[in-house]
C-alpha cells in the first residue's frame, strides 16, 4: 500500500509527454523505481495504465525471454535505460536500437519492446488495461481543468495590461510624442476583435491535439504540486478540526448534548417506567385488535396508566364491545 501511494505521488509529479509508437501518437506518463514501474498512456479517447512490482516483472521476463538468467535488478536497469528516454520528457525520439510496436486487443493496449541485453535479444511488453475513473480524474481531468482556469485568468490579466498600455500610448501622442520608427507602430488592442479572430483560427490550432509542449508540461507539474499542497493542507485542517470539536463530557454516563442540563436519576427512572407502561399498553391494544370477535369479547378490559391514576379502584371486568 505504501509503495502504491509513493508511485502515485511520483507519477503525479511528472508531466504528460507525446510519444510515437510505430506512427501511433500517444500521451505518456511513466515512473520507474528500482525494480518497479507505473505507466499511463492516452490517445485522448481512452486512458490505459499498468503497475508492476518486482515479482511480476521477474515472472513476465521469464515468459518473454526463455534464455534470460540475469537477476531482476540487472535486466530492469536495462529496461529502464531503453524505455525511459522514449517515455520521459527528456526525449521521445525513438532510438534505432530499440523498437516499439503498438497492439490493441479489445479494450487493452500492449506496447512491445525489443532491444539487446549484451548480445542476447531482450523482449518486453507493457500490458496496459483501461484506467479507472479515479486515475483518469486525478492524472488528467482535474489538472487540465485547473490549467484551463489558470490560463483563462492569465489571458484576462494580459488583456487588462494591453488596454492600459494603449491608454498610456494615447496619452503620449496627445502630448506631442512621435514614434521614431514607423515599423513599431501597432493598432489599438480591441478585445472583441481579438476573440473573434482567435475563434476563427481554432481549427488550425486543434489540428494535432496531442501536442503537449514544454511550457504546458511545466504548467501541469506546477498545477499538480499546488493541488497536492492544498490537499494536504485541507486534510490536516480537517483532522485538527475533528479533534478540537470532540469535547468529552466530564460525566461519561450522561449523553446529553452540550448546553443541556442532564436529567436526574429519579426523572430518568420515572421516564423509563412510563415508557415501558406505554409500550405494554400499545402491544396489548394491538393484540386485542387482531383477535377474533369471540375471543376479543372474552378478553379482559384494557386499562391505561391514565385510567389507573384517575380511578385507582378495581372495576369488574366488562367486555370491550358493550
Protein backbone atom coordinates (compact mmCIF):
# COMPACT_ATOMS: atom_id res chain seq x y z
CA UNK A 1 0.00 0.00 0.00
CA UNK A 2 2.81 2.39 0.89
CA UNK A 3 4.60 1.57 -2.38
CA UNK A 4 1.40 2.27 -4.33
CA UNK A 5 0.96 5.67 -2.69
CA UNK A 6 4.60 6.50 -3.37
CA UNK A 7 4.25 5.58 -7.05
CA UNK A 8 1.04 7.64 -7.32
CA UNK A 9 2.74 10.71 -5.88
CA UNK A 10 5.82 10.24 -8.05
CA UNK A 11 3.71 9.74 -11.18
CA UNK A 12 1.58 12.81 -10.46
CA UNK A 13 4.73 14.94 -10.29
CA UNK A 14 5.61 14.00 -13.88
CA UNK A 15 4.13 15.65 -16.99
CA UNK A 16 2.38 14.06 -19.94
CA UNK A 17 4.73 13.82 -22.91
CA UNK A 18 3.94 12.99 -26.56
CA UNK A 19 5.30 9.64 -27.77
CA UNK A 20 5.26 7.89 -31.11
CA UNK A 21 5.00 4.10 -31.34
CA UNK A 22 5.22 2.96 -34.93
CA UNK A 23 3.38 6.01 -36.24
CA UNK A 24 0.77 5.99 -33.45
CA UNK A 25 0.86 9.16 -31.36
CA UNK A 26 0.03 8.97 -27.68
CA UNK A 27 0.49 10.87 -24.46
CA UNK A 28 2.51 9.04 -21.84
CA UNK A 29 3.41 9.28 -18.17
CA UNK A 30 5.93 6.81 -16.78
CA UNK A 31 7.63 6.33 -13.43
CA UNK A 32 10.45 3.83 -12.91
CA UNK A 33 11.68 2.82 -9.47
CA UNK A 34 14.47 0.41 -8.58
CA UNK A 35 12.57 -2.72 -9.62
CA UNK A 36 9.05 -1.43 -10.25
CA UNK A 37 7.30 0.92 -12.61
CA UNK A 38 3.98 2.56 -13.38
CA UNK A 39 2.82 3.64 -16.84
CA UNK A 40 -0.08 5.68 -18.19
CA UNK A 41 -0.93 6.04 -21.89
CA UNK A 42 -3.69 8.03 -23.56
CA UNK A 43 -4.87 8.82 -27.08
CA UNK A 44 -7.42 11.36 -25.72
CA UNK A 45 -10.15 8.80 -26.33
CA UNK A 46 -9.03 6.25 -23.74
CA UNK A 47 -6.54 6.01 -20.91
CA UNK A 48 -4.58 2.85 -20.12
CA UNK A 49 -2.41 2.02 -17.15
CA UNK A 50 -0.06 -0.66 -15.85
CA UNK A 51 1.65 -1.06 -12.49
CA UNK A 52 4.29 -3.75 -11.99
CA UNK A 53 6.10 -4.91 -8.87
CA UNK A 54 9.37 -6.83 -8.57
CA UNK A 55 7.82 -10.29 -8.59
CA UNK A 56 5.53 -9.51 -11.52
CA UNK A 57 8.43 -8.12 -13.54
CA UNK A 58 10.50 -11.24 -12.88
CA UNK A 59 7.70 -13.60 -13.96
CA UNK A 60 6.98 -11.70 -17.18
CA UNK A 61 10.67 -11.50 -18.07
CA UNK A 62 10.98 -15.29 -17.75
CA UNK A 63 7.96 -15.81 -20.01
CA UNK A 64 9.16 -13.40 -22.72
CA UNK A 65 12.87 -14.29 -22.50
CA UNK A 66 13.41 -18.03 -22.07
CA UNK A 67 17.21 -17.74 -22.07
CA UNK A 68 17.32 -14.91 -19.53
CA UNK A 69 19.27 -15.79 -16.38
CA UNK A 70 20.12 -12.29 -15.10
CA UNK A 71 18.82 -11.06 -11.73
CA UNK A 72 15.86 -8.73 -11.67
CA UNK A 73 17.74 -5.52 -10.93
CA UNK A 74 20.11 -6.16 -13.85
CA UNK A 75 17.59 -6.55 -16.66
CA UNK A 76 15.26 -3.98 -15.12
CA UNK A 77 18.08 -1.43 -15.23
CA UNK A 78 18.40 -2.22 -18.93
CA UNK A 79 14.64 -1.91 -19.46
CA UNK A 80 14.62 1.44 -17.72
CA UNK A 81 17.56 2.72 -19.77
CA UNK A 82 15.91 1.88 -23.11
CA UNK A 83 12.29 2.73 -22.24
CA UNK A 84 12.75 5.87 -20.14
CA UNK A 85 14.14 8.11 -22.95
CA UNK A 86 11.04 7.37 -25.01
CA UNK A 87 8.55 7.73 -22.16
CA UNK A 88 10.04 10.75 -20.38
CA UNK A 89 10.23 14.46 -21.08
CA UNK A 90 13.95 14.22 -21.88
CA UNK A 91 13.43 12.82 -25.35
CA UNK A 92 10.64 10.99 -27.08
CA UNK A 93 12.55 10.25 -30.28
CA UNK A 94 12.66 6.52 -30.90
CA UNK A 95 16.17 5.07 -30.81
CA UNK A 96 17.44 2.97 -33.72
CA UNK A 97 18.48 0.19 -31.33
CA UNK A 98 15.07 -0.02 -29.65
CA UNK A 99 11.89 -0.99 -31.48
CA UNK A 100 8.36 -0.40 -30.22
CA UNK A 101 5.20 -1.98 -31.56
CA UNK A 102 1.69 -0.96 -30.53
CA UNK A 103 -1.06 -3.58 -30.46
CA UNK A 104 -4.74 -3.23 -29.50
CA UNK A 105 -6.55 -6.25 -28.12
CA UNK A 106 -10.12 -5.46 -27.20
CA UNK A 107 -10.03 -2.67 -24.64
CA UNK A 108 -6.43 -3.45 -23.66
CA UNK A 109 -3.30 -1.90 -25.13
CA UNK A 110 0.07 -3.63 -25.40
CA UNK A 111 3.36 -1.93 -26.22
CA UNK A 112 6.00 -4.44 -27.30
CA UNK A 113 9.65 -3.52 -26.91
CA UNK A 114 12.63 -5.22 -28.50
CA UNK A 115 16.26 -4.41 -27.65
CA UNK A 116 19.54 -6.15 -26.90
CA UNK A 117 20.86 -7.02 -23.46
CA UNK A 118 24.51 -7.72 -24.15
CA UNK A 119 24.46 -10.00 -27.19
CA UNK A 120 21.09 -11.51 -26.38
CA UNK A 121 17.77 -10.08 -27.63
CA UNK A 122 15.61 -8.71 -24.85
CA UNK A 123 11.84 -8.55 -25.20
CA UNK A 124 9.33 -6.77 -23.04
CA UNK A 125 5.62 -5.99 -23.13
CA UNK A 126 3.81 -3.16 -21.39
CA UNK A 127 0.39 -4.76 -21.00
CA UNK A 128 -1.90 -1.85 -20.19
CA UNK A 129 -5.55 -2.12 -19.19
CA UNK A 130 -8.22 0.64 -19.13
CA UNK A 131 -7.57 3.03 -16.26
CA UNK A 132 -10.14 3.58 -13.55
CA UNK A 133 -12.22 6.75 -13.36
CA UNK A 134 -10.32 7.83 -10.25
CA UNK A 135 -6.97 7.58 -12.05
CA UNK A 136 -8.24 9.49 -15.09
CA UNK A 137 -9.68 12.20 -12.87
CA UNK A 138 -6.54 12.52 -10.75
CA UNK A 139 -3.97 12.38 -13.53
CA UNK A 140 -5.75 14.09 -16.42
CA UNK A 141 -9.15 15.71 -15.87
CA UNK A 142 -8.60 17.69 -12.66
CA UNK A 143 -5.13 19.06 -13.59
CA UNK A 144 -6.33 20.08 -17.06
CA UNK A 145 -9.39 21.84 -15.62
CA UNK A 146 -7.12 23.71 -13.21
CA UNK A 147 -4.81 24.61 -16.07
CA UNK A 148 -7.78 25.99 -18.00
CA UNK A 149 -8.75 28.23 -15.09
CA UNK A 150 -5.18 29.45 -14.63
CA UNK A 151 -4.70 30.19 -18.33
CA UNK A 152 -8.06 31.98 -18.53
CA UNK A 153 -7.04 34.22 -15.65
CA UNK A 154 -3.66 34.78 -17.28
CA UNK A 155 -5.32 35.89 -20.53
CA UNK A 156 -7.56 38.28 -18.59
CA UNK A 157 -4.60 39.89 -16.86
CA UNK A 158 -2.75 40.29 -20.17
CA UNK A 159 -5.85 41.83 -21.76
CA UNK A 160 -6.07 44.37 -18.95
CA UNK A 161 -2.38 45.16 -19.33
CA UNK A 162 -2.72 45.71 -23.09
CA UNK A 163 -5.61 48.11 -22.60
CA UNK A 164 -3.55 50.08 -20.07
CA UNK A 165 -0.62 50.21 -22.48
CA UNK A 166 -2.86 51.54 -25.24
CA UNK A 167 -4.15 54.25 -22.88
CA UNK A 168 -0.55 55.15 -21.99
CA UNK A 169 0.47 55.37 -25.65
CA UNK A 170 -2.56 57.50 -26.46
CA UNK A 171 -1.63 59.88 -23.67
CA UNK A 172 1.90 60.20 -25.10
CA UNK A 173 0.50 61.00 -28.54
CA UNK A 174 -1.87 63.62 -27.18
CA UNK A 175 1.10 65.33 -25.51
CA UNK A 176 3.12 65.53 -28.73
CA UNK A 177 5.16 62.32 -28.59
CA UNK A 178 6.15 60.95 -32.02
CA UNK A 179 7.22 57.38 -32.83
CA UNK A 180 10.79 57.41 -34.18
CA UNK A 181 10.42 54.11 -36.10
CA UNK A 182 7.23 53.61 -38.01
CA UNK A 183 7.58 49.83 -38.18
CA UNK A 184 6.98 49.67 -34.42
CA UNK A 185 3.55 51.24 -34.69
CA UNK A 186 0.66 48.94 -33.70
CA UNK A 187 -3.10 49.21 -33.83
CA UNK A 188 -5.01 49.71 -30.57
CA UNK A 189 -5.99 46.41 -28.98
CA UNK A 190 -9.68 45.53 -29.32
CA UNK A 191 -10.70 42.61 -27.18
CA UNK A 192 -13.78 41.59 -29.17
CA UNK A 193 -11.90 41.62 -32.50
CA UNK A 194 -9.09 39.56 -30.99
CA UNK A 195 -11.50 36.94 -29.64
CA UNK A 196 -13.30 36.70 -32.97
CA UNK A 197 -10.06 36.17 -34.88
CA UNK A 198 -8.85 33.70 -32.26
CA UNK A 199 -12.01 31.58 -32.54
CA UNK A 200 -11.68 31.53 -36.32
CA UNK A 201 -8.15 30.13 -36.03
CA UNK A 202 -9.13 27.33 -33.62
CA UNK A 203 -9.40 24.59 -36.29
CA UNK A 204 -5.77 25.12 -37.26
CA UNK A 205 -4.58 25.05 -33.66
CA UNK A 206 -6.54 21.87 -32.91
CA UNK A 207 -5.08 20.03 -35.88
CA UNK A 208 -2.95 17.89 -33.55
CA UNK A 209 -4.44 17.62 -30.07
CA UNK A 210 -1.50 15.60 -28.72
CA UNK A 211 0.96 18.47 -28.81
CA UNK A 212 1.96 18.98 -25.18
CA UNK A 213 4.94 21.33 -25.34
CA UNK A 214 7.45 22.01 -22.59
CA UNK A 215 5.66 25.11 -21.26
CA UNK A 216 2.41 23.20 -20.80
CA UNK A 217 4.34 20.34 -19.22
CA UNK A 218 5.89 22.74 -16.70
CA UNK A 219 2.47 24.29 -16.00
CA UNK A 220 0.98 20.82 -15.49
CA UNK A 221 3.69 19.90 -12.96
CA UNK A 222 3.19 23.21 -11.11
CA UNK A 223 -0.59 22.71 -11.02
CA UNK A 224 -0.24 19.16 -9.65
CA UNK A 225 2.23 20.30 -6.99
CA UNK A 226 -0.10 23.12 -5.91
CA UNK A 227 -3.10 20.75 -5.80
CA UNK A 228 -1.16 18.30 -3.64
CA UNK A 229 -0.17 21.09 -1.26
CA UNK A 230 -3.79 22.25 -0.94
CA UNK A 231 -4.98 18.67 -0.46
CA UNK A 232 -2.51 18.04 2.36
CA UNK A 233 -3.43 21.38 3.96
CA UNK A 234 -7.16 20.63 3.84
CA UNK A 235 -6.55 17.15 5.22
CA UNK A 236 -4.53 18.50 8.17
CA UNK A 237 -7.12 21.21 8.85
CA UNK A 238 -9.94 18.68 8.77
CA UNK A 239 -8.08 16.36 11.14
CA UNK A 240 -7.33 19.13 13.62
CA UNK A 241 -10.92 20.44 13.42
CA UNK A 242 -12.30 16.98 14.09
CA UNK A 243 -10.09 16.58 17.16
CA UNK A 244 -10.89 20.05 18.51
CA UNK A 245 -14.65 19.64 18.05
CA UNK A 246 -14.75 16.50 20.20
CA UNK A 247 -15.07 17.52 23.85
CA UNK A 248 -15.90 14.53 26.10
CA UNK A 249 -18.33 15.02 28.98
CA UNK A 250 -16.92 15.11 32.44
CA UNK A 251 -19.67 12.68 33.42
CA UNK A 252 -19.26 9.88 30.90
CA UNK A 253 -22.55 8.28 31.96
CA UNK A 254 -24.50 11.19 30.50
CA UNK A 255 -25.13 11.53 26.76
CA UNK A 256 -26.83 14.90 26.96
CA UNK A 257 -25.71 17.40 24.27
CA UNK A 258 -23.53 20.32 25.25
CA UNK A 259 -25.50 23.17 26.80
CA UNK A 260 -28.38 20.96 28.01
CA UNK A 261 -28.98 20.16 31.68
CA UNK A 262 -28.62 16.42 32.34
CA UNK A 263 -31.65 14.67 33.77
CA UNK A 264 -31.60 13.49 37.37
CA UNK A 265 -31.57 9.73 38.14
CA UNK A 266 -35.11 9.95 39.58
CA UNK A 267 -36.52 11.61 36.48
CA UNK A 268 -34.75 9.06 34.28
CA UNK A 269 -36.35 6.20 36.25
CA UNK A 270 -39.82 7.79 36.02
CA UNK A 271 -39.40 8.32 32.28
CA UNK A 272 -38.27 4.74 31.76
CA UNK A 273 -41.19 3.31 33.82
CA UNK A 274 -43.72 5.44 31.93
CA UNK A 275 -42.18 4.40 28.58
CA UNK A 276 -42.43 0.69 29.48
CA UNK A 277 -46.06 1.05 30.56
CA UNK A 278 -46.97 2.88 27.34
CA UNK A 279 -45.26 0.20 25.28
CA UNK A 280 -47.07 -2.60 27.08
CA UNK A 281 -50.38 -0.83 26.56
CA UNK A 282 -49.72 -0.37 22.85
CA UNK A 283 -48.77 -4.04 22.45
CA UNK A 284 -51.89 -5.20 24.35
CA UNK A 285 -54.18 -2.98 22.30
CA UNK A 286 -52.63 -4.24 19.08
CA UNK A 287 -53.03 -7.86 20.17
CA UNK A 288 -56.69 -7.42 21.10
CA UNK A 289 -57.40 -5.74 17.77
CA UNK A 290 -56.05 -8.78 15.93
CA UNK A 291 -58.13 -11.33 17.93
CA UNK A 292 -61.45 -12.72 16.59
CA UNK A 293 -64.65 -11.18 17.87
CA UNK A 294 -65.44 -14.16 20.11
CA UNK A 295 -62.01 -14.17 21.69
CA UNK A 296 -61.98 -10.39 21.98
CA UNK A 297 -65.28 -10.43 23.82
CA UNK A 298 -63.85 -12.76 26.42
CA UNK A 299 -60.67 -10.74 26.77
CA UNK A 300 -60.20 -8.62 29.89
CA UNK A 301 -60.55 -4.86 29.54
CA UNK A 302 -57.54 -2.76 28.82
CA UNK A 303 -56.79 -0.20 31.46
CA UNK A 304 -54.41 2.58 30.57
CA UNK A 305 -51.92 4.11 33.02
CA UNK A 306 -54.01 7.28 32.90
CA UNK A 307 -57.13 5.38 33.98
CA UNK A 308 -55.30 3.88 36.91
CA UNK A 309 -54.14 7.32 38.06
CA UNK A 310 -57.67 8.78 37.85
CA UNK A 311 -59.62 5.87 39.35
CA UNK A 312 -57.31 3.52 41.23
CA UNK A 313 -60.20 1.26 42.45
CA UNK A 314 -60.60 -2.06 40.71
CA UNK A 315 -63.60 -2.47 38.44
CA UNK A 316 -65.46 -5.52 37.43
CA UNK A 317 -64.31 -6.87 34.09
CA UNK A 318 -66.51 -5.87 31.20
CA UNK A 319 -66.42 -6.68 27.54
CA UNK A 320 -64.85 -4.32 25.06
CA UNK A 321 -67.87 -4.19 22.76
CA UNK A 322 -70.64 -3.44 25.27
